[in-house]
């Protein structure tokens, strides 16, 4: 009888979106999403405003200093999606 180790990718990801009004001293608002579908629904009901700055990040978790380990990050949504694809991740599987 043969035994094999089968590696299953159980990595979980968190989608982070930060935004604030441009040229102000306000702190960034941080939103967390558990799936790309959830993020897209939010974007549809809350379109980006030109007077605001946004950044997107795909986090694989946190390090020992509790800083997010980002796999992809960008200031524009379409650029963010391209980075996820370039990282070799199946966007549909991100949950």
C-alpha atoms as a PDB file:
ATOM      1  CA  UNK A   1       0.000   0.000   0.000  1.00  0.00           C
ATOM      2  CA  UNK A   2       1.368   3.358  -1.009  1.00  0.00           C
ATOM      3  CA  UNK A   3       0.861   6.648   0.779  1.00  0.00           C
ATOM      4  CA  UNK A   4       1.205  10.068  -0.763  1.00  0.00           C
ATOM      5  CA  UNK A   5       1.196  13.534   0.642  1.00  0.00           C
ATOM      6  CA  UNK A   6      -1.392  15.565  -1.150  1.00  0.00           C
ATOM      7  CA  UNK A   7      -0.914  19.301  -0.798  1.00  0.00           C
ATOM      8  CA  UNK A   8      -4.172  21.205  -0.589  1.00  0.00           C
ATOM      9  CA  UNK A   9      -4.019  24.978  -0.754  1.00  0.00           C
ATOM     10  CA  UNK A  10      -6.067  26.104   2.214  1.00  0.00           C
ATOM     11  CA  UNK A  11      -4.863  29.688   2.091  1.00  0.00           C
ATOM     12  CA  UNK A  12      -7.513  32.204   2.895  1.00  0.00           C
ATOM     13  CA  UNK A  13      -7.391  35.705   1.556  1.00  0.00           C
ATOM     14  CA  UNK A  14      -8.762  39.033   2.664  1.00  0.00           C
ATOM     15  CA  UNK A  15      -9.539  41.867   0.277  1.00  0.00           C
ATOM     16  CA  UNK A  16      -8.820  45.292   1.747  1.00  0.00           C
ATOM     17  CA  UNK A  17      -9.937  48.644   0.364  1.00  0.00           C
ATOM     18  CA  UNK A  18      -8.817  51.935   1.865  1.00  0.00           C
ATOM     19  CA  UNK A  19     -10.128  55.324   0.917  1.00  0.00           C
ATOM     20  CA  UNK A  20     -10.026  58.939   2.001  1.00  0.00           C
ATOM     21  CA  UNK A  21     -10.811  62.352   0.625  1.00  0.00           C
ATOM     22  CA  UNK A  22      -7.850  63.749  -1.338  1.00  0.00           C
ATOM     23  CA  UNK A  23      -5.715  66.539   0.127  1.00  0.00           C
ATOM     24  CA  UNK A  24      -7.110  66.281   3.634  1.00  0.00           C
ATOM     25  CA  UNK A  25      -5.615  65.238   6.923  1.00  0.00           C
ATOM     26  CA  UNK A  26      -8.383  62.690   7.451  1.00  0.00           C
ATOM     27  CA  UNK A  27      -7.490  59.133   8.333  1.00  0.00           C
ATOM     28  CA  UNK A  28      -8.023  56.354   5.805  1.00  0.00           C
ATOM     29  CA  UNK A  29     -11.256  54.352   6.015  1.00  0.00           C
ATOM     30  CA  UNK A  30     -10.488  50.634   5.754  1.00  0.00           C
ATOM     31  CA  UNK A  31     -13.029  48.137   4.419  1.00  0.00           C
ATOM     32  CA  UNK A  32     -12.528  44.367   4.509  1.00  0.00           C
ATOM     33  CA  UNK A  33     -14.174  41.889   2.143  1.00  0.00           C
ATOM     34  CA  UNK A  34     -14.107  38.103   2.233  1.00  0.00           C
ATOM     35  CA  UNK A  35     -14.788  37.606  -1.476  1.00  0.00           C
ATOM     36  CA  UNK A  36     -14.319  39.355  -4.788  1.00  0.00           C
ATOM     37  CA  UNK A  37     -18.077  39.101  -5.409  1.00  0.00           C
ATOM     38  CA  UNK A  38     -18.733  40.955  -2.155  1.00  0.00           C
ATOM     39  CA  UNK A  39     -16.265  43.696  -3.166  1.00  0.00           C
ATOM     40  CA  UNK A  40     -17.834  44.046  -6.630  1.00  0.00           C
ATOM     41  CA  UNK A  41     -21.328  44.380  -5.105  1.00  0.00           C
ATOM     42  CA  UNK A  42     -20.047  47.102  -2.784  1.00  0.00           C
ATOM     43  CA  UNK A  43     -18.355  48.960  -5.658  1.00  0.00           C
ATOM     44  CA  UNK A  44     -21.567  48.800  -7.682  1.00  0.00           C
ATOM     45  CA  UNK A  45     -23.657  50.301  -4.875  1.00  0.00           C
ATOM     46  CA  UNK A  46     -20.928  52.787  -3.810  1.00  0.00           C
ATOM     47  CA  UNK A  47     -19.135  54.073  -6.933  1.00  0.00           C
ATOM     48  CA  UNK A  48     -15.725  55.675  -6.502  1.00  0.00           C
ATOM     49  CA  UNK A  49     -15.714  59.436  -6.256  1.00  0.00           C
ATOM     50  CA  UNK A  50     -13.110  61.557  -8.037  1.00  0.00           C
ATOM     51  CA  UNK A  51     -12.450  63.580  -4.866  1.00  0.00           C
ATOM     52  CA  UNK A  52     -11.267  60.447  -3.050  1.00  0.00           C
ATOM     53  CA  UNK A  53      -8.122  58.302  -3.152  1.00  0.00           C
ATOM     54  CA  UNK A  54      -8.472  54.517  -3.052  1.00  0.00           C
ATOM     55  CA  UNK A  55      -6.088  51.600  -2.660  1.00  0.00           C
ATOM     56  CA  UNK A  56      -6.777  47.884  -2.976  1.00  0.00           C
ATOM     57  CA  UNK A  57      -4.862  44.984  -1.420  1.00  0.00           C
ATOM     58  CA  UNK A  58      -5.142  41.203  -1.389  1.00  0.00           C
ATOM     59  CA  UNK A  59      -3.810  39.951   1.935  1.00  0.00           C
ATOM     60  CA  UNK A  60      -2.686  36.405   2.676  1.00  0.00           C
ATOM     61  CA  UNK A  61      -2.757  37.043   6.420  1.00  0.00           C
ATOM     62  CA  UNK A  62      -0.578  38.874   8.905  1.00  0.00           C
ATOM     63  CA  UNK A  63       3.032  38.482   9.993  1.00  0.00           C
ATOM     64  CA  UNK A  64       4.375  38.382  13.550  1.00  0.00           C
ATOM     65  CA  UNK A  65       4.186  42.192  13.680  1.00  0.00           C
ATOM     66  CA  UNK A  66       0.472  42.007  12.692  1.00  0.00           C
ATOM     67  CA  UNK A  67       1.149  43.637   9.314  1.00  0.00           C
ATOM     68  CA  UNK A  68      -0.767  42.332   6.323  1.00  0.00           C
ATOM     69  CA  UNK A  69       1.153  40.138   3.866  1.00  0.00           C
ATOM     70  CA  UNK A  70      -0.033  41.568   0.552  1.00  0.00           C
ATOM     71  CA  UNK A  71       0.059  39.413  -2.563  1.00  0.00           C
ATOM     72  CA  UNK A  72      -1.280  42.205  -4.769  1.00  0.00           C
ATOM     73  CA  UNK A  73      -1.884  45.898  -4.207  1.00  0.00           C
ATOM     74  CA  UNK A  74      -2.797  48.797  -6.466  1.00  0.00           C
ATOM     75  CA  UNK A  75      -4.424  52.224  -6.480  1.00  0.00           C
ATOM     76  CA  UNK A  76      -6.864  51.335  -9.277  1.00  0.00           C
ATOM     77  CA  UNK A  77      -9.334  48.446  -9.330  1.00  0.00           C
ATOM     78  CA  UNK A  78      -8.569  47.142 -12.841  1.00  0.00           C
ATOM     79  CA  UNK A  79      -4.839  47.269 -12.144  1.00  0.00           C
ATOM     80  CA  UNK A  80      -5.518  45.357  -8.908  1.00  0.00           C
ATOM     81  CA  UNK A  81      -7.366  42.599 -10.797  1.00  0.00           C
ATOM     82  CA  UNK A  82      -4.488  42.304 -13.303  1.00  0.00           C
ATOM     83  CA  UNK A  83      -1.988  41.901 -10.465  1.00  0.00           C
ATOM     84  CA  UNK A  84      -4.060  39.089  -8.969  1.00  0.00           C
ATOM     85  CA  UNK A  85      -4.090  37.305 -12.326  1.00  0.00           C
ATOM     86  CA  UNK A  86      -0.316  37.831 -12.743  1.00  0.00           C
ATOM     87  CA  UNK A  87       0.236  36.270  -9.319  1.00  0.00           C
ATOM     88  CA  UNK A  88      -1.338  33.116 -10.767  1.00  0.00           C
ATOM     89  CA  UNK A  89      -4.388  33.170  -8.531  1.00  0.00           C
ATOM     90  CA  UNK A  90      -7.805  32.137  -9.766  1.00  0.00           C
ATOM     91  CA  UNK A  91      -9.915  35.204  -9.042  1.00  0.00           C
ATOM     92  CA  UNK A  92     -13.082  33.111  -8.756  1.00  0.00           C
ATOM     93  CA  UNK A  93     -11.455  31.058  -6.004  1.00  0.00           C
ATOM     94  CA  UNK A  94     -10.634  34.046  -3.818  1.00  0.00           C
ATOM     95  CA  UNK A  95     -12.911  33.815  -0.830  1.00  0.00           C
END
